[in-house]
Amino acid sequence: MPKASEVKKSTAIEHNGRVLMIKDITRSVPQGRAGGSLYRMRLYDVVTGAKVDETFKDVDMLKLADLLRKEVMFSYVDGTEYVFMDIEDYTPYSLDKEMVADEVPFFNDETQGLYVILIGGKPVGIDLPPSVELVVEETDPSVKGASASARTKPARLSTGLTVQVPEYIAVGDRLRINTAEQRFMSRAEIK
């Protein structure tokens, strides 16, 4: 059982008789307290989909839920559901748009390394790879002679995500994007 300070986003825990998926974690250090940090977590109930906000001390022990991860690829959108297909046995997994809203800007039909998270055989979320490759669809013109440490400009990527990129990036460039920090890492190598 890990401490609250050791868990990460997309981790499933059992708390108060419910299985909850961690969507966001905010760490704070209250003034005037001896030691401990507090971890405010935005969770959602995997059965009902209800959002839950909980605060844990850094030393609180959390019980991990029994879950299974299956590698999938994004297949298509069906109304308000995103459909993913297991790459081994082609089983389709449907997830409601609200369940994957934070992950949608990071994947398309080319993205590799996506995993669906299953609890009791039911899909409850998507686990993204550490980085993804996306193409720049719209940005200001590139500046000749701009260095990597120069100013940045916004760029809209193929999935609709907007990130700050160096001035030398142009429309059509393929970029590596850090999914945890939602930021530009580098140009992707041409395949």
N, C-alpha and C. Protein backbone atom coordinates (compact mmCIF):
# COMPACT_ATOMS: atom_id res chain seq x y z
N MET A 1 0.84 -1.18 0.00
CA MET A 1 0.00 0.00 0.00
C MET A 1 0.89 1.25 0.00
N PRO A 2 0.76 2.07 -1.03
CA PRO A 2 1.58 3.28 -1.11
C PRO A 2 1.04 4.41 -0.24
N LYS A 3 1.92 5.35 0.06
CA LYS A 3 1.50 6.55 0.78
C LYS A 3 0.86 7.51 -0.23
N ALA A 4 0.10 8.46 0.27
CA ALA A 4 -0.55 9.45 -0.61
C ALA A 4 0.49 10.22 -1.42
N SER A 5 1.68 10.40 -0.87
CA SER A 5 2.73 11.14 -1.57
C SER A 5 3.35 10.33 -2.71
N GLU A 6 3.05 9.05 -2.81
CA GLU A 6 3.68 8.19 -3.82
C GLU A 6 2.79 7.86 -5.01
N VAL A 7 1.48 8.17 -4.93
CA VAL A 7 0.58 7.82 -6.03
C VAL A 7 0.63 8.88 -7.12
N LYS A 8 0.24 8.49 -8.32
CA LYS A 8 0.25 9.38 -9.48
C LYS A 8 -1.13 9.42 -10.12
N LYS A 9 -1.28 10.33 -11.09
CA LYS A 9 -2.53 10.41 -11.84
C LYS A 9 -2.80 9.08 -12.52
N SER A 10 -4.06 8.80 -12.76
CA SER A 10 -4.54 7.57 -13.42
C SER A 10 -4.33 6.33 -12.57
N THR A 11 -4.13 6.51 -11.26
CA THR A 11 -4.04 5.39 -10.34
C THR A 11 -5.43 5.13 -9.78
N ALA A 12 -5.80 3.87 -9.65
CA ALA A 12 -7.10 3.51 -9.07
C ALA A 12 -6.89 3.10 -7.62
N ILE A 13 -7.69 3.68 -6.72
CA ILE A 13 -7.61 3.35 -5.30
C ILE A 13 -8.98 2.93 -4.78
N GLU A 14 -8.97 2.19 -3.67
CA GLU A 14 -10.20 1.87 -2.97
C GLU A 14 -10.27 2.77 -1.76
N HIS A 15 -11.38 3.53 -1.64
CA HIS A 15 -11.53 4.49 -0.55
C HIS A 15 -13.01 4.58 -0.18
N ASN A 16 -13.31 4.44 1.09
CA ASN A 16 -14.70 4.51 1.58
C ASN A 16 -15.62 3.54 0.84
N GLY A 17 -15.13 2.34 0.55
CA GLY A 17 -15.95 1.32 -0.09
C GLY A 17 -16.19 1.53 -1.58
N ARG A 18 -15.48 2.47 -2.18
CA ARG A 18 -15.66 2.76 -3.61
C ARG A 18 -14.31 2.67 -4.32
N VAL A 19 -14.35 2.35 -5.59
CA VAL A 19 -13.14 2.36 -6.41
C VAL A 19 -13.10 3.71 -7.11
N LEU A 20 -12.01 4.45 -6.88
CA LEU A 20 -11.87 5.79 -7.41
C LEU A 20 -10.62 5.89 -8.28
N MET A 21 -10.72 6.63 -9.38
CA MET A 21 -9.61 6.86 -10.27
C MET A 21 -9.10 8.28 -10.03
N ILE A 22 -7.79 8.44 -9.83
CA ILE A 22 -7.20 9.75 -9.58
C ILE A 22 -7.06 10.49 -10.91
N LYS A 23 -7.69 11.67 -11.00
CA LYS A 23 -7.61 12.48 -12.21
C LYS A 23 -6.60 13.61 -12.07
N ASP A 24 -6.46 14.18 -10.86
CA ASP A 24 -5.56 15.31 -10.66
C ASP A 24 -5.08 15.32 -9.22
N ILE A 25 -3.84 15.75 -9.01
CA ILE A 25 -3.25 15.83 -7.67
C ILE A 25 -2.62 17.20 -7.50
N THR A 26 -2.95 17.86 -6.39
CA THR A 26 -2.34 19.14 -6.06
C THR A 26 -1.70 19.02 -4.68
N ARG A 27 -0.41 19.33 -4.61
CA ARG A 27 0.31 19.24 -3.34
C ARG A 27 0.38 20.62 -2.71
N SER A 28 0.12 20.70 -1.40
CA SER A 28 0.24 21.96 -0.69
C SER A 28 0.93 21.73 0.64
N VAL A 29 1.65 22.74 1.10
CA VAL A 29 2.34 22.67 2.38
C VAL A 29 1.77 23.80 3.25
N PRO A 30 0.84 23.47 4.13
CA PRO A 30 0.23 24.50 4.96
C PRO A 30 1.26 25.15 5.89
N GLN A 31 1.14 26.46 6.07
CA GLN A 31 2.04 27.18 6.98
C GLN A 31 1.68 26.87 8.42
N GLY A 32 2.68 26.85 9.28
CA GLY A 32 2.43 26.63 10.70
C GLY A 32 2.20 25.20 11.11
N ARG A 33 2.39 24.28 10.19
CA ARG A 33 2.20 22.86 10.53
C ARG A 33 3.57 22.21 10.65
N ALA A 34 3.63 21.28 11.51
CA ALA A 34 4.89 20.55 11.68
C ALA A 34 5.00 19.49 10.59
N GLY A 35 5.76 19.78 9.58
CA GLY A 35 6.05 18.76 8.57
C GLY A 35 5.05 18.64 7.46
N GLY A 36 4.11 17.76 7.57
CA GLY A 36 3.34 17.15 6.51
C GLY A 36 2.73 18.00 5.42
N SER A 37 2.88 17.50 4.22
CA SER A 37 2.22 18.07 3.06
C SER A 37 0.82 17.50 2.96
N LEU A 38 -0.06 18.23 2.28
CA LEU A 38 -1.40 17.74 2.00
C LEU A 38 -1.53 17.51 0.50
N TYR A 39 -2.23 16.46 0.13
CA TYR A 39 -2.45 16.13 -1.27
C TYR A 39 -3.94 16.18 -1.54
N ARG A 40 -4.35 17.20 -2.31
CA ARG A 40 -5.75 17.32 -2.71
C ARG A 40 -5.90 16.58 -4.03
N MET A 41 -6.83 15.64 -4.04
CA MET A 41 -6.99 14.81 -5.24
C MET A 41 -8.39 14.95 -5.80
N ARG A 42 -8.44 15.12 -7.12
CA ARG A 42 -9.71 15.08 -7.84
C ARG A 42 -9.83 13.66 -8.34
N LEU A 43 -10.87 12.96 -7.90
CA LEU A 43 -11.07 11.56 -8.25
C LEU A 43 -12.43 11.41 -8.90
N TYR A 44 -12.65 10.30 -9.57
CA TYR A 44 -14.01 9.99 -10.00
C TYR A 44 -14.30 8.52 -9.73
N ASP A 45 -15.53 8.28 -9.35
CA ASP A 45 -16.01 6.94 -9.05
C ASP A 45 -16.12 6.16 -10.36
N VAL A 46 -15.47 5.02 -10.45
CA VAL A 46 -15.46 4.27 -11.70
C VAL A 46 -16.80 3.62 -12.01
N VAL A 47 -17.64 3.46 -11.01
CA VAL A 47 -18.95 2.85 -11.23
C VAL A 47 -19.97 3.90 -11.67
N THR A 48 -20.08 4.99 -10.90
CA THR A 48 -21.09 6.01 -11.17
C THR A 48 -20.59 7.16 -12.02
N GLY A 49 -19.27 7.35 -12.07
CA GLY A 49 -18.70 8.47 -12.80
C GLY A 49 -18.73 9.78 -12.03
N ALA A 50 -19.21 9.74 -10.78
CA ALA A 50 -19.30 10.95 -9.96
C ALA A 50 -17.91 11.46 -9.59
N LYS A 51 -17.76 12.78 -9.59
CA LYS A 51 -16.49 13.38 -9.19
C LYS A 51 -16.43 13.48 -7.68
N VAL A 52 -15.24 13.23 -7.14
CA VAL A 52 -15.02 13.25 -5.70
C VAL A 52 -13.73 14.02 -5.43
N ASP A 53 -13.76 14.93 -4.46
CA ASP A 53 -12.55 15.64 -4.04
C ASP A 53 -12.18 15.16 -2.65
N GLU A 54 -10.95 14.72 -2.48
CA GLU A 54 -10.46 14.24 -1.19
C GLU A 54 -9.11 14.87 -0.90
N THR A 55 -8.80 15.02 0.39
CA THR A 55 -7.50 15.52 0.81
C THR A 55 -6.87 14.48 1.72
N PHE A 56 -5.61 14.15 1.42
CA PHE A 56 -4.88 13.17 2.21
C PHE A 56 -3.59 13.78 2.73
N LYS A 57 -3.16 13.35 3.91
CA LYS A 57 -1.84 13.72 4.42
C LYS A 57 -0.82 12.89 3.66
N ASP A 58 0.42 13.39 3.59
CA ASP A 58 1.44 12.68 2.82
C ASP A 58 1.74 11.29 3.34
N VAL A 59 1.48 11.01 4.61
CA VAL A 59 1.77 9.69 5.18
C VAL A 59 0.56 8.76 5.18
N ASP A 60 -0.63 9.23 4.75
CA ASP A 60 -1.81 8.38 4.69
C ASP A 60 -1.57 7.24 3.72
N MET A 61 -1.93 6.03 4.13
CA MET A 61 -1.76 4.86 3.28
C MET A 61 -3.01 4.66 2.42
N LEU A 62 -2.83 4.46 1.13
CA LEU A 62 -3.94 4.27 0.21
C LEU A 62 -3.91 2.84 -0.33
N LYS A 63 -5.08 2.26 -0.45
CA LYS A 63 -5.17 0.90 -0.96
C LYS A 63 -5.42 0.95 -2.47
N LEU A 64 -4.52 0.33 -3.21
CA LEU A 64 -4.66 0.30 -4.67
C LEU A 64 -5.76 -0.67 -5.06
N ALA A 65 -6.54 -0.28 -6.06
CA ALA A 65 -7.59 -1.15 -6.58
C ALA A 65 -6.98 -2.17 -7.53
N ASP A 66 -7.62 -3.31 -7.65
CA ASP A 66 -7.16 -4.36 -8.56
C ASP A 66 -7.59 -3.97 -9.97
N LEU A 67 -6.62 -3.64 -10.80
CA LEU A 67 -6.95 -3.22 -12.15
C LEU A 67 -6.07 -3.92 -13.16
N LEU A 68 -6.52 -3.88 -14.40
CA LEU A 68 -5.82 -4.52 -15.51
C LEU A 68 -5.61 -3.47 -16.59
N ARG A 69 -4.44 -3.47 -17.19
CA ARG A 69 -4.14 -2.54 -18.28
C ARG A 69 -3.98 -3.34 -19.57
N LYS A 70 -4.68 -2.90 -20.63
CA LYS A 70 -4.59 -3.57 -21.93
C LYS A 70 -4.17 -2.53 -22.96
N GLU A 71 -3.17 -2.87 -23.79
CA GLU A 71 -2.73 -1.94 -24.82
C GLU A 71 -3.80 -1.84 -25.91
N VAL A 72 -4.13 -0.62 -26.27
CA VAL A 72 -5.19 -0.37 -27.25
C VAL A 72 -4.74 0.67 -28.26
N MET A 73 -5.53 0.81 -29.29
CA MET A 73 -5.36 1.92 -30.23
C MET A 73 -6.70 2.62 -30.36
N PHE A 74 -6.65 3.94 -30.58
CA PHE A 74 -7.88 4.70 -30.76
C PHE A 74 -8.51 4.29 -32.07
N SER A 75 -9.82 4.01 -32.05
CA SER A 75 -10.49 3.55 -33.24
C SER A 75 -11.39 4.63 -33.85
N TYR A 76 -12.42 5.08 -33.09
CA TYR A 76 -13.33 6.09 -33.63
C TYR A 76 -14.16 6.69 -32.50
N VAL A 77 -14.91 7.75 -32.85
CA VAL A 77 -15.83 8.39 -31.91
C VAL A 77 -17.24 7.98 -32.31
N ASP A 78 -18.03 7.52 -31.34
CA ASP A 78 -19.41 7.10 -31.57
C ASP A 78 -20.31 7.94 -30.68
N GLY A 79 -20.82 9.04 -31.20
CA GLY A 79 -21.66 9.93 -30.40
C GLY A 79 -20.86 10.58 -29.29
N THR A 80 -21.16 10.22 -28.04
CA THR A 80 -20.44 10.77 -26.89
C THR A 80 -19.41 9.79 -26.33
N GLU A 81 -19.11 8.75 -27.08
CA GLU A 81 -18.15 7.75 -26.60
C GLU A 81 -16.96 7.63 -27.55
N TYR A 82 -15.80 7.42 -26.93
CA TYR A 82 -14.58 7.14 -27.68
C TYR A 82 -14.38 5.64 -27.64
N VAL A 83 -14.13 5.04 -28.79
CA VAL A 83 -13.98 3.59 -28.89
C VAL A 83 -12.51 3.27 -29.16
N PHE A 84 -11.97 2.38 -28.33
CA PHE A 84 -10.59 1.92 -28.45
C PHE A 84 -10.63 0.42 -28.72
N MET A 85 -9.62 -0.06 -29.46
CA MET A 85 -9.59 -1.48 -29.81
C MET A 85 -8.33 -2.12 -29.25
N ASP A 86 -8.51 -3.25 -28.56
CA ASP A 86 -7.39 -4.03 -28.03
C ASP A 86 -6.53 -4.47 -29.21
N ILE A 87 -5.21 -4.24 -29.11
CA ILE A 87 -4.35 -4.57 -30.25
C ILE A 87 -4.05 -6.06 -30.37
N GLU A 88 -4.39 -6.83 -29.33
CA GLU A 88 -4.15 -8.29 -29.41
C GLU A 88 -5.36 -9.05 -29.91
N ASP A 89 -6.53 -8.82 -29.29
CA ASP A 89 -7.70 -9.61 -29.66
C ASP A 89 -8.84 -8.78 -30.27
N TYR A 90 -8.58 -7.49 -30.56
CA TYR A 90 -9.52 -6.60 -31.24
C TYR A 90 -10.82 -6.36 -30.47
N THR A 91 -10.80 -6.55 -29.15
CA THR A 91 -11.97 -6.25 -28.32
C THR A 91 -12.17 -4.74 -28.28
N PRO A 92 -13.39 -4.25 -28.58
CA PRO A 92 -13.62 -2.81 -28.49
C PRO A 92 -13.95 -2.40 -27.05
N TYR A 93 -13.42 -1.24 -26.62
CA TYR A 93 -13.71 -0.67 -25.32
C TYR A 93 -14.24 0.74 -25.52
N SER A 94 -15.42 1.02 -24.99
CA SER A 94 -16.02 2.34 -25.13
C SER A 94 -15.91 3.11 -23.82
N LEU A 95 -15.47 4.37 -23.94
CA LEU A 95 -15.36 5.25 -22.77
C LEU A 95 -16.11 6.54 -23.06
N ASP A 96 -16.88 6.99 -22.09
CA ASP A 96 -17.63 8.22 -22.22
C ASP A 96 -16.69 9.41 -22.42
N LYS A 97 -17.13 10.40 -23.20
CA LYS A 97 -16.32 11.56 -23.51
C LYS A 97 -15.79 12.25 -22.24
N GLU A 98 -16.60 12.34 -21.20
CA GLU A 98 -16.18 13.00 -19.96
C GLU A 98 -15.08 12.23 -19.25
N MET A 99 -15.05 10.91 -19.38
CA MET A 99 -14.04 10.10 -18.70
C MET A 99 -12.65 10.29 -19.30
N VAL A 100 -12.58 10.64 -20.58
CA VAL A 100 -11.29 10.80 -21.26
C VAL A 100 -11.03 12.23 -21.72
N ALA A 101 -11.80 13.19 -21.20
CA ALA A 101 -11.69 14.59 -21.65
C ALA A 101 -10.27 15.13 -21.51
N ASP A 102 -9.57 14.80 -20.43
CA ASP A 102 -8.21 15.31 -20.23
C ASP A 102 -7.19 14.65 -21.16
N GLU A 103 -7.48 13.45 -21.63
CA GLU A 103 -6.54 12.71 -22.46
C GLU A 103 -6.75 12.94 -23.96
N VAL A 104 -7.95 13.37 -24.36
CA VAL A 104 -8.30 13.51 -25.78
C VAL A 104 -7.29 14.36 -26.57
N PRO A 105 -6.79 15.48 -26.05
CA PRO A 105 -5.85 16.27 -26.85
C PRO A 105 -4.51 15.58 -27.13
N PHE A 106 -4.27 14.43 -26.56
CA PHE A 106 -2.96 13.77 -26.70
C PHE A 106 -2.98 12.53 -27.57
N PHE A 107 -4.11 12.15 -28.13
CA PHE A 107 -4.08 10.96 -28.97
C PHE A 107 -4.88 11.15 -30.24
N ASN A 108 -4.49 10.38 -31.25
CA ASN A 108 -5.23 10.27 -32.50
C ASN A 108 -5.06 8.83 -32.98
N ASP A 109 -5.48 8.54 -34.18
CA ASP A 109 -5.43 7.15 -34.65
C ASP A 109 -4.01 6.64 -34.91
N GLU A 110 -3.00 7.52 -34.82
CA GLU A 110 -1.61 7.09 -34.99
C GLU A 110 -0.89 6.85 -33.67
N THR A 111 -1.46 7.30 -32.56
CA THR A 111 -0.79 7.25 -31.26
C THR A 111 -0.56 5.82 -30.81
N GLN A 112 0.68 5.53 -30.41
CA GLN A 112 1.02 4.21 -29.90
C GLN A 112 1.30 4.31 -28.40
N GLY A 113 1.12 3.21 -27.68
CA GLY A 113 1.41 3.19 -26.25
C GLY A 113 0.23 3.58 -25.38
N LEU A 114 -0.99 3.59 -25.94
CA LEU A 114 -2.20 3.85 -25.16
C LEU A 114 -2.62 2.58 -24.44
N TYR A 115 -3.07 2.73 -23.21
CA TYR A 115 -3.58 1.59 -22.46
C TYR A 115 -4.95 1.93 -21.92
N VAL A 116 -5.88 0.99 -22.02
CA VAL A 116 -7.18 1.15 -21.36
C VAL A 116 -7.04 0.51 -19.99
N ILE A 117 -7.63 1.16 -18.99
CA ILE A 117 -7.58 0.64 -17.62
C ILE A 117 -8.91 -0.04 -17.34
N LEU A 118 -8.85 -1.32 -16.96
CA LEU A 118 -10.04 -2.11 -16.69
C LEU A 118 -10.11 -2.47 -15.21
N ILE A 119 -11.30 -2.29 -14.65
CA ILE A 119 -11.55 -2.75 -13.28
C ILE A 119 -12.78 -3.64 -13.35
N GLY A 120 -12.60 -4.90 -12.99
CA GLY A 120 -13.69 -5.87 -13.09
C GLY A 120 -14.17 -6.05 -14.52
N GLY A 121 -13.27 -5.93 -15.49
CA GLY A 121 -13.62 -6.09 -16.89
C GLY A 121 -14.25 -4.86 -17.52
N LYS A 122 -14.49 -3.80 -16.72
CA LYS A 122 -15.13 -2.58 -17.23
C LYS A 122 -14.07 -1.50 -17.47
N PRO A 123 -14.06 -0.90 -18.68
CA PRO A 123 -13.09 0.17 -18.93
C PRO A 123 -13.44 1.41 -18.11
N VAL A 124 -12.41 1.96 -17.44
CA VAL A 124 -12.64 3.12 -16.56
C VAL A 124 -11.75 4.30 -16.90
N GLY A 125 -10.79 4.13 -17.79
CA GLY A 125 -9.92 5.25 -18.13
C GLY A 125 -8.85 4.85 -19.13
N ILE A 126 -8.09 5.86 -19.54
CA ILE A 126 -7.00 5.68 -20.50
C ILE A 126 -5.70 6.12 -19.83
N ASP A 127 -4.66 5.35 -20.05
CA ASP A 127 -3.33 5.69 -19.56
C ASP A 127 -2.50 6.08 -20.78
N LEU A 128 -2.02 7.32 -20.78
CA LEU A 128 -1.25 7.84 -21.91
C LEU A 128 0.22 7.44 -21.81
N PRO A 129 0.92 7.39 -22.95
CA PRO A 129 2.37 7.21 -22.89
C PRO A 129 3.00 8.49 -22.36
N PRO A 130 4.27 8.44 -21.92
CA PRO A 130 4.92 9.65 -21.39
C PRO A 130 5.00 10.79 -22.40
N SER A 131 5.13 10.45 -23.69
CA SER A 131 5.16 11.48 -24.72
C SER A 131 4.45 10.98 -25.97
N VAL A 132 3.94 11.92 -26.75
CA VAL A 132 3.26 11.59 -28.00
C VAL A 132 3.81 12.47 -29.11
N GLU A 133 3.62 12.03 -30.34
CA GLU A 133 4.04 12.82 -31.50
C GLU A 133 2.80 13.37 -32.19
N LEU A 134 2.78 14.71 -32.34
CA LEU A 134 1.66 15.38 -32.98
C LEU A 134 2.20 16.38 -34.01
N VAL A 135 1.38 16.70 -35.00
CA VAL A 135 1.78 17.58 -36.09
C VAL A 135 1.23 18.99 -35.86
N VAL A 136 2.05 20.00 -36.15
CA VAL A 136 1.63 21.40 -36.03
C VAL A 136 0.69 21.74 -37.18
N GLU A 137 -0.53 22.20 -36.83
CA GLU A 137 -1.48 22.59 -37.86
C GLU A 137 -1.53 24.09 -38.06
N GLU A 138 -1.27 24.84 -36.99
CA GLU A 138 -1.35 26.30 -37.11
C GLU A 138 -0.40 26.96 -36.13
N THR A 139 0.41 27.88 -36.64
CA THR A 139 1.31 28.67 -35.80
C THR A 139 1.80 29.86 -36.63
N ASP A 140 2.40 30.83 -35.98
CA ASP A 140 2.97 31.96 -36.70
C ASP A 140 4.11 31.43 -37.56
N PRO A 141 4.48 32.18 -38.62
CA PRO A 141 5.60 31.73 -39.46
C PRO A 141 6.88 31.55 -38.65
N SER A 142 7.70 30.59 -39.08
CA SER A 142 8.97 30.35 -38.38
C SER A 142 9.92 31.51 -38.63
N VAL A 143 10.82 31.73 -37.68
CA VAL A 143 11.77 32.83 -37.78
C VAL A 143 13.13 32.23 -38.12
N LYS A 144 13.73 32.68 -39.22
CA LYS A 144 15.04 32.19 -39.63
C LYS A 144 16.09 32.58 -38.60
N GLY A 145 16.96 31.66 -38.25
CA GLY A 145 18.04 31.95 -37.31
C GLY A 145 17.61 31.94 -35.85
N ALA A 146 16.34 31.58 -35.56
CA ALA A 146 15.89 31.53 -34.16
C ALA A 146 16.54 30.34 -33.48
N SER A 147 16.96 30.53 -32.26
CA SER A 147 17.60 29.43 -31.53
C SER A 147 16.59 28.73 -30.65
N ALA A 148 16.97 27.57 -30.15
CA ALA A 148 16.08 26.77 -29.31
C ALA A 148 15.77 27.47 -28.00
N SER A 149 16.65 28.35 -27.54
CA SER A 149 16.42 29.02 -26.26
C SER A 149 15.75 30.38 -26.42
N ALA A 150 15.37 30.72 -27.64
CA ALA A 150 14.74 32.01 -27.90
C ALA A 150 13.30 32.02 -27.40
N ARG A 151 12.60 33.06 -27.77
CA ARG A 151 11.20 33.22 -27.37
C ARG A 151 10.34 32.09 -27.93
N THR A 152 9.14 31.98 -27.35
CA THR A 152 8.21 30.95 -27.81
C THR A 152 6.98 31.59 -28.43
N LYS A 153 6.21 30.76 -29.09
CA LYS A 153 4.95 31.19 -29.71
C LYS A 153 3.96 30.05 -29.56
N PRO A 154 2.65 30.32 -29.59
CA PRO A 154 1.67 29.24 -29.50
C PRO A 154 1.56 28.47 -30.81
N ALA A 155 1.32 27.18 -30.70
CA ALA A 155 1.10 26.34 -31.88
C ALA A 155 -0.07 25.41 -31.61
N ARG A 156 -1.02 25.36 -32.57
CA ARG A 156 -2.15 24.43 -32.45
C ARG A 156 -1.77 23.15 -33.18
N LEU A 157 -1.94 22.03 -32.47
CA LEU A 157 -1.54 20.73 -33.00
C LEU A 157 -2.72 20.00 -33.63
N SER A 158 -2.46 18.87 -34.26
CA SER A 158 -3.47 18.13 -35.01
C SER A 158 -4.66 17.67 -34.18
N THR A 159 -4.51 17.58 -32.87
CA THR A 159 -5.62 17.14 -32.01
C THR A 159 -6.37 18.32 -31.40
N GLY A 160 -5.92 19.54 -31.68
CA GLY A 160 -6.56 20.72 -31.11
C GLY A 160 -5.82 21.29 -29.92
N LEU A 161 -4.84 20.57 -29.40
CA LEU A 161 -4.04 21.01 -28.27
C LEU A 161 -3.18 22.20 -28.69
N THR A 162 -3.08 23.22 -27.82
CA THR A 162 -2.21 24.36 -28.08
C THR A 162 -1.09 24.36 -27.05
N VAL A 163 0.15 24.41 -27.53
CA VAL A 163 1.32 24.45 -26.65
C VAL A 163 2.26 25.56 -27.10
N GLN A 164 3.13 25.98 -26.21
CA GLN A 164 4.15 26.96 -26.55
C GLN A 164 5.33 26.22 -27.18
N VAL A 165 5.81 26.75 -28.32
CA VAL A 165 6.92 26.12 -29.04
C VAL A 165 7.96 27.19 -29.37
N PRO A 166 9.20 26.78 -29.62
CA PRO A 166 10.23 27.75 -30.05
C PRO A 166 9.85 28.39 -31.39
N GLU A 167 10.40 29.57 -31.67
CA GLU A 167 10.06 30.32 -32.87
C GLU A 167 10.43 29.61 -34.17
N TYR A 168 11.37 28.66 -34.14
CA TYR A 168 11.79 28.01 -35.39
C TYR A 168 10.82 26.92 -35.86
N ILE A 169 9.81 26.59 -35.07
CA ILE A 169 8.83 25.55 -35.44
C ILE A 169 7.88 26.11 -36.49
N ALA A 170 7.57 25.30 -37.51
CA ALA A 170 6.69 25.72 -38.60
C ALA A 170 5.50 24.77 -38.75
N VAL A 171 4.50 25.20 -39.49
CA VAL A 171 3.34 24.36 -39.79
C VAL A 171 3.83 23.10 -40.51
N GLY A 172 3.30 21.95 -40.09
CA GLY A 172 3.68 20.67 -40.69
C GLY A 172 4.77 19.94 -39.93
N ASP A 173 5.45 20.63 -39.00
CA ASP A 173 6.48 19.96 -38.19
C ASP A 173 5.84 18.93 -37.27
N ARG A 174 6.52 17.82 -37.07
CA ARG A 174 6.07 16.76 -36.16
C ARG A 174 6.82 16.96 -34.85
N LEU A 175 6.07 17.10 -33.73
CA LEU A 175 6.66 17.42 -32.43
C LEU A 175 6.42 16.32 -31.42
N ARG A 176 7.35 16.20 -30.46
CA ARG A 176 7.16 15.32 -29.30
C ARG A 176 6.62 16.18 -28.17
N ILE A 177 5.50 15.76 -27.58
CA ILE A 177 4.83 16.51 -26.53
C ILE A 177 4.80 15.66 -25.26
N ASN A 178 5.23 16.26 -24.14
CA ASN A 178 5.18 15.60 -22.84
C ASN A 178 3.73 15.60 -22.38
N THR A 179 3.15 14.42 -22.14
CA THR A 179 1.73 14.33 -21.80
C THR A 179 1.45 14.74 -20.35
N ALA A 180 2.39 14.53 -19.44
CA ALA A 180 2.16 14.89 -18.04
C ALA A 180 2.20 16.40 -17.83
N GLU A 181 3.15 17.06 -18.49
CA GLU A 181 3.32 18.50 -18.30
C GLU A 181 2.68 19.32 -19.41
N GLN A 182 2.15 18.68 -20.43
CA GLN A 182 1.50 19.33 -21.56
C GLN A 182 2.40 20.39 -22.18
N ARG A 183 3.64 19.98 -22.49
CA ARG A 183 4.58 20.95 -23.06
C ARG A 183 5.42 20.32 -24.17
N PHE A 184 5.97 21.20 -25.00
CA PHE A 184 6.85 20.83 -26.10
C PHE A 184 8.14 20.21 -25.55
N MET A 185 8.58 19.10 -26.15
CA MET A 185 9.85 18.48 -25.78
C MET A 185 10.89 18.70 -26.87
N SER A 186 10.55 18.30 -28.10
CA SER A 186 11.48 18.41 -29.22
C SER A 186 10.75 18.13 -30.52
N ARG A 187 11.47 18.31 -31.61
CA ARG A 187 10.93 17.84 -32.89
C ARG A 187 11.03 16.33 -32.87
N ALA A 188 10.08 15.69 -33.51
CA ALA A 188 10.10 14.23 -33.62
C ALA A 188 10.97 13.84 -34.80
N GLU A 189 11.58 12.69 -34.70
CA GLU A 189 12.40 12.22 -35.81
C GLU A 189 11.50 11.80 -36.96
N ILE A 190 11.90 12.12 -38.16
CA ILE A 190 11.10 11.80 -39.35
C ILE A 190 11.23 10.31 -39.62
N LYS A 191 10.08 9.69 -39.85
CA LYS A 191 10.06 8.24 -40.05
C LYS A 191 10.17 7.89 -41.51
